[in-house]
Protein backbone atom coordinates (compact mmCIF):
# COMPACT_ATOMS: atom_id res chain seq x y z
CA MET A 1 0.00 0.00 0.00
CA ASN A 2 2.84 2.43 0.84
CA ASP A 3 4.49 1.76 -2.54
CA GLU A 4 1.24 2.60 -4.29
CA ALA A 5 0.87 5.78 -2.26
CA LEU A 6 4.43 6.84 -3.04
CA LEU A 7 3.71 6.47 -6.76
CA ILE A 8 0.65 8.71 -6.40
CA LEU A 9 2.74 11.37 -4.65
CA LYS A 10 5.43 11.22 -7.34
CA ASP A 11 2.82 11.53 -10.12
CA ILE A 12 1.37 14.65 -8.52
CA VAL A 13 4.80 16.20 -7.97
CA LYS A 14 5.61 15.80 -11.69
CA ASN A 15 2.91 18.36 -12.45
CA VAL A 16 4.30 21.07 -10.17
CA PRO A 17 6.08 23.77 -12.27
CA GLU A 18 9.75 24.30 -11.43
CA THR A 19 9.22 28.07 -11.70
CA ALA A 20 6.72 28.22 -8.80
CA TYR A 21 8.07 29.24 -5.40
CA GLY A 22 6.90 29.87 -1.84
CA VAL A 23 3.21 30.05 -1.02
CA GLU A 24 2.30 30.11 -4.71
CA ARG A 25 3.96 26.69 -5.10
CA GLN A 26 1.99 25.34 -2.15
CA MET A 27 -1.24 26.71 -3.63
CA LEU A 28 -0.51 24.93 -6.92
CA ILE A 29 0.13 21.73 -4.99
CA GLY A 30 -3.16 22.24 -3.16
CA ASP A 31 -5.00 22.52 -6.47
CA LEU A 32 -3.43 19.26 -7.66
CA VAL A 33 -4.31 17.55 -4.38
CA ALA A 34 -7.91 18.68 -4.73
CA ARG A 35 -8.12 16.92 -8.11
CA GLN A 36 -7.17 13.52 -6.72
CA SER A 37 -9.71 10.75 -7.18
CA GLN A 38 -11.43 9.35 -4.10
CA GLU A 39 -9.47 6.12 -4.51
CA GLU A 40 -6.15 7.97 -4.58
CA ARG A 41 -7.12 9.99 -1.50
CA VAL A 42 -7.87 6.79 0.43
CA ILE A 43 -4.53 5.21 -0.53
CA VAL A 44 -2.51 8.28 0.49
CA LYS A 45 -4.48 8.68 3.74
CA ARG A 46 -3.83 5.05 4.70
CA MET A 47 -0.10 5.56 4.31
CA PHE A 48 -0.21 8.76 6.36
CA ASP A 49 -2.30 7.06 9.05
CA SER A 50 0.18 4.18 9.23
CA PHE A 51 2.89 6.62 10.34
CA LEU A 52 0.60 7.89 13.11
CA LEU A 53 -0.43 4.43 14.28
CA ARG A 54 3.25 3.53 14.56
CA MET A 55 3.41 6.00 17.44
CA PHE A 56 1.51 3.55 19.64
CA GLU A 57 3.89 0.72 18.76
CA ILE A 58 7.00 2.68 19.77
CA ALA A 59 5.47 4.73 22.64
CA ALA A 60 5.99 8.04 20.83
CA SER A 61 4.24 11.20 21.99
CA ASP A 62 4.89 13.26 18.83
CA ILE A 63 5.61 12.84 15.14
CA ASP A 64 7.35 15.45 12.94
CA MET A 65 7.61 15.47 9.17
CA GLY A 66 8.16 17.80 6.25
CA GLY A 67 10.00 21.10 5.96
CA TYR A 68 13.66 21.75 5.35
CA GLY A 69 14.72 20.70 8.85
CA SER A 70 13.36 17.15 8.63
CA ARG A 71 16.09 16.01 6.20
CA GLU A 72 13.31 14.26 4.24
CA MET A 73 12.75 11.84 7.14
CA ILE A 74 9.97 11.21 9.64
CA TRP A 75 10.85 11.91 13.28
CA TYR A 76 9.30 10.68 16.54
CA ARG A 77 9.64 11.87 20.13
CA ILE A 78 9.97 8.89 22.48
CA TYR A 79 10.21 9.56 26.23
CA GLY A 80 11.40 13.08 25.57
CA ASP A 81 14.00 12.33 22.85
CA LYS A 82 13.24 13.22 19.22
CA LYS A 83 14.89 11.04 16.59
CA ALA A 84 14.51 10.29 12.88
CA ASP A 85 13.11 6.86 12.01
CA ALA A 86 15.45 5.22 9.51
CA THR A 87 13.04 2.32 8.94
CA LEU A 88 10.46 4.52 7.19
CA PRO A 89 10.49 5.89 3.61
CA THR A 90 12.09 9.25 2.88
CA PHE A 91 10.16 11.99 1.09
CA HIS A 92 11.41 14.79 -1.13
CA PHE A 93 10.06 18.21 -0.15
CA ASP A 94 7.20 18.30 -2.64
CA GLU A 95 6.21 14.70 -1.90
CA MET A 96 5.77 15.64 1.75
CA ASN A 97 4.02 18.89 0.78
CA VAL A 98 1.49 16.77 -1.13
CA LEU A 99 1.17 14.24 1.68
CA VAL A 100 0.45 16.85 4.36
CA GLN A 101 -1.93 18.86 2.17
CA SER A 102 -3.81 15.64 1.35
CA ILE A 103 -5.14 15.36 4.91
CA LEU A 104 -6.41 18.97 5.01
CA LEU A 105 -9.82 20.25 4.03
CA GLU A 106 -9.99 22.99 1.40
CA ARG A 107 -10.75 25.72 3.94
CA GLN A 108 -7.86 24.50 6.11
CA ARG A 109 -5.48 24.75 3.17
CA GLN A 110 -6.62 28.31 2.48
CA PHE A 111 -6.10 29.24 6.14
CA LEU A 112 -2.59 27.75 6.01
CA TYR A 113 -1.68 29.74 2.88
CA GLU A 114 -2.93 32.99 4.41
CA ASN A 115 -1.57 32.58 7.95
CA ARG A 116 1.46 30.31 7.33
CA ASN A 117 0.27 28.18 10.25
CA LEU A 118 -2.71 25.96 11.04
CA ASP A 119 -3.78 24.26 14.29
CA PHE A 120 -6.24 21.40 13.88
CA SER A 121 -7.26 18.01 15.23
CA TYR A 122 -7.11 14.73 13.35
CA THR A 123 -8.89 11.44 14.03
CA ILE A 124 -8.25 7.88 12.87
CA GLU A 125 -10.64 4.99 13.39
CA HIS A 126 -8.63 1.77 13.66
CA ASP A 127 -9.70 -1.66 14.94
CA GLY A 128 -12.82 -0.19 16.47
CA GLN A 129 -10.92 2.53 18.36
CA MET A 130 -10.77 6.27 17.76
CA HIS A 131 -7.24 7.72 17.83
CA ARG A 132 -7.08 11.51 18.10
CA TYR A 133 -4.15 13.84 17.42
CA ARG A 134 -3.42 17.51 18.01
CA ALA A 135 -1.73 18.93 14.93
CA ASP A 136 0.15 22.03 13.88
CA THR A 137 1.31 22.57 10.30
CA TYR A 138 3.52 25.49 9.32
CA PHE A 139 6.08 26.79 6.84
CA ASP A 140 9.78 25.94 7.10
CA LEU A 141 11.84 27.71 4.38
CA ASP A 142 8.86 27.64 1.97
CA GLN A 143 8.16 23.94 2.66
CA ILE A 144 5.27 22.61 4.73
CA ALA A 145 6.17 20.99 8.06
CA LEU A 146 3.88 19.14 10.43
CA ASN A 147 3.87 18.17 14.09
CA MET A 148 1.23 15.88 15.55
CA ARG A 149 0.83 14.87 19.18
CA ALA A 150 -1.08 11.74 20.15
CA ILE A 151 -3.94 12.50 22.49
CA ASN A 152 -4.35 10.04 25.34
CA GLN A 153 -7.25 7.67 24.76
CA THR A 154 -7.84 7.41 28.48
CA VAL A 155 -7.76 10.04 31.19
CA ARG A 156 -5.05 9.78 33.79
CA SER A 157 -6.57 8.95 37.16
CA TYR A 158 -6.86 12.06 39.32
CA LYS A 159 -5.55 10.07 42.30
CA ASN A 160 -2.27 9.53 40.45
CA LEU A 161 -1.66 13.29 40.48
CA ASP A 162 -1.12 12.96 44.25
CA PHE A 163 -2.55 16.33 45.28
CA HIS A 164 -3.06 17.36 48.91
CA THR A 165 -6.64 17.23 50.23
CA ASN A 166 -6.78 21.05 50.37
CA VAL A 167 -5.82 21.26 46.69
CA THR A 168 -8.51 18.73 45.78
CA ARG A 169 -11.10 20.88 47.55
CA VAL A 170 -10.05 23.90 45.50
CA LEU A 171 -10.19 21.93 42.22
CA SER A 172 -13.54 20.30 42.96
CA LEU A 173 -16.78 22.10 42.11
CA ALA A 174 -18.41 20.13 44.94
CA HIS A 175 -16.32 22.10 47.45
CA THR A 176 -15.45 25.38 45.70
CA LYS A 177 -17.97 26.92 43.31
CA GLU A 178 -15.91 29.75 41.86
CA GLY A 179 -12.40 31.01 41.25
CA LEU A 180 -9.58 30.87 38.70
CA ILE A 181 -7.32 27.80 38.61
CA LEU A 182 -4.22 27.85 36.38
CA ILE A 183 -2.29 24.84 35.10
CA THR A 184 1.07 26.06 33.79
CA GLY A 185 4.22 24.70 32.20
CA ILE A 186 6.21 24.74 29.00
CA THR A 187 4.98 22.98 25.85
CA GLY A 188 4.92 19.23 26.38
CA SER A 189 4.78 19.40 30.18
CA GLY A 190 1.44 17.58 30.42
CA LYS A 191 -0.83 20.54 31.17
CA SER A 192 -3.69 19.20 29.05
CA THR A 193 -3.40 15.76 30.67
CA THR A 194 -3.65 17.26 34.16
CA LEU A 195 -6.56 19.49 33.15
CA ASP A 196 -8.42 16.53 31.65
CA SER A 197 -7.90 14.56 34.87
CA ILE A 198 -9.41 17.41 36.90
CA VAL A 199 -12.40 17.74 34.54
CA ASP A 200 -12.90 13.97 34.65
CA ALA A 201 -12.83 13.96 38.46
CA ASN A 202 -15.55 16.63 38.57
CA ASN A 203 -17.54 14.77 35.89
CA HIS A 204 -18.03 11.78 38.21
CA VAL A 205 -18.84 13.51 41.50
CA ILE A 206 -21.21 16.44 40.87
CA ASP A 207 -24.19 17.32 38.67
CA ALA A 208 -23.08 20.28 36.58
CA HIS A 209 -22.39 21.80 33.14
CA VAL A 210 -18.82 22.07 31.81
CA VAL A 211 -17.93 24.13 28.73
CA ILE A 212 -14.47 23.43 27.26
CA ILE A 213 -13.03 25.94 24.75
CA ALA A 214 -9.85 24.60 23.17
CA SER A 215 -7.56 24.97 20.15
CA PRO A 216 -7.84 22.22 19.18
CA VAL A 217 -10.06 19.97 21.28
CA GLU A 218 -7.91 17.06 22.45
CA TYR A 219 -9.44 14.45 24.74
CA VAL A 220 -13.22 14.21 24.26
CA HIS A 221 -14.97 13.63 27.57
CA LYS A 222 -18.07 11.46 27.83
CA SER A 223 -20.74 13.18 29.90
CA ASP A 224 -21.49 11.37 33.15
CA ARG A 225 -22.88 13.44 36.02
CA CYS A 226 -21.77 16.55 34.14
CA ILE A 227 -22.93 17.55 30.68
CA ILE A 228 -19.68 18.44 28.92
CA ARG A 229 -19.55 20.67 25.82
CA HIS A 230 -16.46 20.78 23.58
CA ARG A 231 -16.00 23.93 21.47
CA GLU A 232 -13.00 24.01 19.16
CA VAL A 233 -11.60 27.42 18.21
CA GLY A 234 -11.88 27.94 14.45
CA ARG A 235 -14.43 25.16 14.15
CA ASP A 236 -17.19 25.72 16.72
CA VAL A 237 -16.25 29.21 17.88
CA LEU A 238 -14.06 31.98 16.44
CA SER A 239 -11.77 32.69 19.41
CA PHE A 240 -11.09 31.86 23.06
CA LYS A 241 -12.49 35.24 24.06
CA GLU A 242 -15.75 34.78 22.14
CA GLY A 243 -16.11 31.23 23.42
CA ALA A 244 -15.71 32.42 27.01
CA VAL A 245 -18.21 35.26 26.61
CA GLN A 246 -20.72 33.00 24.87
CA ALA A 247 -20.32 30.38 27.60
CA LEU A 248 -21.83 32.80 30.12
CA ARG A 249 -25.14 32.50 28.23
CA GLN A 250 -24.97 28.68 28.24
CA ASP A 251 -25.64 28.16 31.97
CA PRO A 252 -22.15 26.79 32.84
CA ASP A 253 -20.74 25.77 36.21
CA ILE A 254 -17.18 25.23 34.97
CA ILE A 255 -15.59 27.01 32.00
CA VAL A 256 -12.30 25.65 30.65
CA ILE A 257 -10.35 28.14 28.52
CA GLY A 258 -7.63 26.17 26.75
CA GLU A 259 -5.01 28.90 27.00
CA LEU A 260 -4.67 32.51 28.16
CA ARG A 261 -2.96 33.61 24.94
CA ASP A 262 -3.52 37.37 24.84
CA PRO A 263 -4.64 40.36 26.95
CA ASP A 264 -8.25 40.15 25.71
CA THR A 265 -8.57 36.51 26.75
CA ILE A 266 -6.93 37.23 30.12
CA LEU A 267 -9.30 40.10 30.86
CA THR A 268 -12.29 38.02 29.76
CA ALA A 269 -11.21 35.11 31.99
CA LEU A 270 -10.98 37.45 34.99
CA GLU A 271 -14.38 38.96 34.23
CA ILE A 272 -16.22 35.65 33.92
CA THR A 273 -14.50 34.36 37.08
CA ASP A 274 -15.55 37.55 38.85
CA SER A 275 -19.14 36.78 37.85
CA GLY A 276 -19.09 33.71 40.09
CA HIS A 277 -17.96 30.88 37.82
CA LYS A 278 -15.22 28.31 38.24
CA VAL A 279 -12.66 28.80 35.47
CA PHE A 280 -9.70 26.62 34.53
CA SER A 281 -7.01 27.67 32.06
CA THR A 282 -3.36 27.19 31.13
CA LEU A 283 -0.29 29.38 30.70
CA HIS A 284 3.15 28.75 29.20
CA THR A 285 5.07 29.61 32.37
CA SER A 286 7.39 27.50 34.52
CA SER A 287 6.45 28.65 38.03
CA ALA A 288 3.51 29.94 40.06
CA VAL A 289 5.07 33.35 40.70
CA GLU A 290 5.99 33.75 37.03
CA SER A 291 2.37 32.95 36.13
CA ILE A 292 1.05 35.78 38.28
CA ASP A 293 3.61 38.22 36.92
CA ARG A 294 2.86 37.13 33.33
CA ILE A 295 -0.87 37.77 33.64
CA ILE A 296 -0.32 41.24 35.08
CA GLY A 297 2.47 42.05 32.62
CA GLU A 298 0.42 40.99 29.58
CA VAL A 299 -2.12 43.79 29.95
CA PRO A 300 -1.46 47.50 29.21
CA PRO A 301 0.17 49.45 32.09
CA ILE A 302 -2.99 51.48 32.61
CA GLU A 303 -4.89 48.24 33.32
CA GLN A 304 -2.29 46.53 35.51
CA GLU A 305 -3.40 47.85 38.91
CA ARG A 306 -7.01 46.84 38.25
CA VAL A 307 -5.95 43.41 36.95
CA ARG A 308 -3.63 42.88 39.93
CA ASN A 309 -6.48 43.51 42.38
CA ARG A 310 -8.97 41.42 40.44
CA LEU A 311 -6.51 38.54 40.06
CA ALA A 312 -5.83 38.62 43.81
CA ASP A 313 -9.57 38.35 44.45
CA VAL A 314 -10.42 35.51 42.04
CA LEU A 315 -7.26 33.35 41.90
CA GLN A 316 -7.64 30.10 43.80
CA CYS A 317 -4.70 27.94 42.78
CA VAL A 318 -1.72 27.72 40.41
CA ILE A 319 -0.23 24.35 39.50
CA SER A 320 3.06 24.54 37.57
CA GLN A 321 4.46 21.31 36.26
CA LYS A 322 7.27 19.64 34.34
CA LEU A 323 7.75 16.16 32.89
CA VAL A 324 11.29 15.18 33.88
CA PRO A 325 13.40 12.16 32.83
CA SER A 326 13.10 9.28 35.29
CA LEU A 327 15.61 6.58 36.13
CA ASP A 328 13.54 4.00 34.25
CA LYS A 329 14.13 5.97 31.01
CA LYS A 330 10.58 7.34 30.97
CA ARG A 331 9.25 10.62 32.42
CA VAL A 332 7.69 11.54 35.74
CA LEU A 333 5.60 14.53 36.81
CA ALA A 334 7.19 17.20 39.00
CA LYS A 335 4.85 19.94 40.18
CA GLU A 336 4.66 23.19 42.08
CA VAL A 337 1.43 24.16 43.84
CA MET A 338 0.37 27.57 45.11
CA ILE A 339 -2.92 28.09 46.94
CA ALA A 340 -4.26 31.64 47.16
CA THR A 341 -4.24 32.10 50.93
CA PRO A 342 -4.95 35.54 52.45
CA SER A 343 -1.18 36.14 52.65
CA VAL A 344 -0.70 35.25 48.98
CA ARG A 345 -3.60 37.51 47.95
CA ALA A 346 -2.10 40.39 49.95
CA ALA A 347 1.30 39.87 48.28
CA ILE A 348 -0.33 40.03 44.84
CA LYS A 349 -2.28 43.20 45.68
CA ASN A 350 0.79 44.89 47.15
CA ASN A 351 2.92 43.93 44.14
CA ASN A 352 5.17 41.82 46.36
CA THR A 353 4.98 38.56 44.41
CA GLY A 354 8.63 37.88 45.28
CA GLU A 355 7.45 36.95 48.79
CA ILE A 356 5.17 34.16 47.54
CA TYR A 357 7.92 31.59 46.94
CA GLN A 358 8.87 31.61 50.63
CA MET A 359 5.19 31.30 51.61
CA MET A 360 4.89 28.24 49.39
CA SER A 361 8.04 26.62 50.76
CA GLU A 362 6.75 26.98 54.33
CA SER A 363 3.16 25.83 53.69
CA GLY A 364 3.48 22.13 52.91
CA ASP A 365 0.96 21.33 55.65
CA ILE A 366 -1.83 22.96 53.62
CA GLY A 367 -0.78 21.52 50.26
CA MET A 368 1.66 24.04 48.83
CA VAL A 369 4.97 22.91 47.41
CA THR A 370 7.76 24.51 45.38
CA MET A 371 9.24 22.87 42.29
CA GLU A 372 12.52 22.42 44.15
CA GLN A 373 10.82 20.64 47.05
CA ASP A 374 9.00 18.29 44.70
CA LEU A 375 12.14 17.52 42.71
CA LYS A 376 13.88 16.70 46.00
CA ARG A 377 10.98 14.37 46.89
CA LEU A 378 11.34 12.53 43.58
CA TYR A 379 15.11 12.28 44.07
CA LEU A 380 14.80 10.87 47.60
CA ALA A 381 12.23 8.39 46.28
CA LYS A 382 14.89 7.23 43.80
CA LYS A 383 12.75 8.16 40.80
CA ILE A 384 15.09 10.75 39.25
CA SER A 385 18.83 11.45 39.28
CA LEU A 386 20.63 14.29 41.03
CA GLU A 387 21.59 15.68 37.63
CA THR A 388 17.90 15.83 36.65
CA VAL A 389 17.02 17.59 39.90
CA ILE A 390 19.60 20.29 39.21
CA ASN A 391 18.74 20.65 35.52
CA PHE A 392 15.00 21.11 36.08
CA ALA A 393 15.04 23.32 39.16
CA ASN A 394 13.74 26.88 38.71
CA ASN A 395 15.65 28.21 41.74
CA LYS A 396 19.10 26.58 41.70
CA ARG A 397 20.27 28.39 44.83
CA ARG A 398 17.29 27.27 46.86
CA LEU A 399 17.72 23.73 45.58
CA GLN A 400 21.32 23.63 46.76
CA GLN A 401 20.13 24.66 50.22
CA LEU A 402 17.44 21.98 50.23
CA LEU A 403 20.00 19.33 49.32
CA ASN A 404 22.49 20.73 51.87
CA LEU A 405 25.00 21.48 49.12
CA VAL A 406 25.65 24.98 50.54
CA PRO A 407 25.15 26.43 54.05
CA LYS A 408 21.79 28.19 54.45
CA GLY A 409 23.48 31.37 55.58
CA ASP A 410 25.98 31.45 52.72
């Protein structure tokens, strides 16, 4: 089947003029792709899907292909390491341009040409199971590149996140009806997995309505005690901001905003939280204090004092996390947790966020923990190496003190 698909790709590429460059070349390729017969489309799709299904065989989280940087090979990320797969076919630039464009709808291709980037979701039905992927396609030196991440088919058990009882109360609608909860971390740190676990936990314990606004929608929850709506940006709603505003008219109890990407979305999230709803969202930050500073710093200076006070009033919890290499050659979750106690709220309002780290480090009895403390815990449990602890710490100086590598008064 792959040989047949490769022949189809080569036949299409023959019709691409040598004089076409850049986006115009991709548009010509898109026109040729659109003229494929249904039979040809199916053959090419099956080859493409075979590369994705291989991810489950080799425990890969991501696949990368296309673009100048791929060296005409297909790459996989396995337990954090990204490597080219020498067992798979190689593709010349235009062959991969055709392959990637073949899985896109016409309107998606047009969006890609205009914006040079496209986020979308992709689904395969195989052996009676639905496999979903989060995808991003973009331009790399005039060629089309693609990354896809496999979306977990099952939700990680909330109990496995090992949160303190106080944190669980904050995350549960059954105990806390309102407030802003942030899950933060760099790309690939498992934010979506943690958020899905929290939504799933609420789904099974309380009768409520959950509206999820995401770009794209990843794990699709099955309504249990909660009715859960999934609204994909660009597909079901035009933007995070519009989805959040519209959600207020949909009688929600929990609103999940996939990401606080811009000042408008941040301000909207604060407003809908202020109206008495429970709101979950994510940020690309590596610590709780950085998350607070980022939100305030994202808005215009004239708005910052108002946002600082509103954030102090509505923030309930910040969970910052990292997936770090474990001794068994896999990855393990390290997390930092900040609960918005009266002292934390006062520090935010007084613009003294630098004091919050110390509050966290001294409040383990109520569920707070710093990244350095959690990395130390994993090290003492013989789950990660000392080198990993040092490499992934946010505050190297504090870590050295925790591990008694330097005197506390030094």
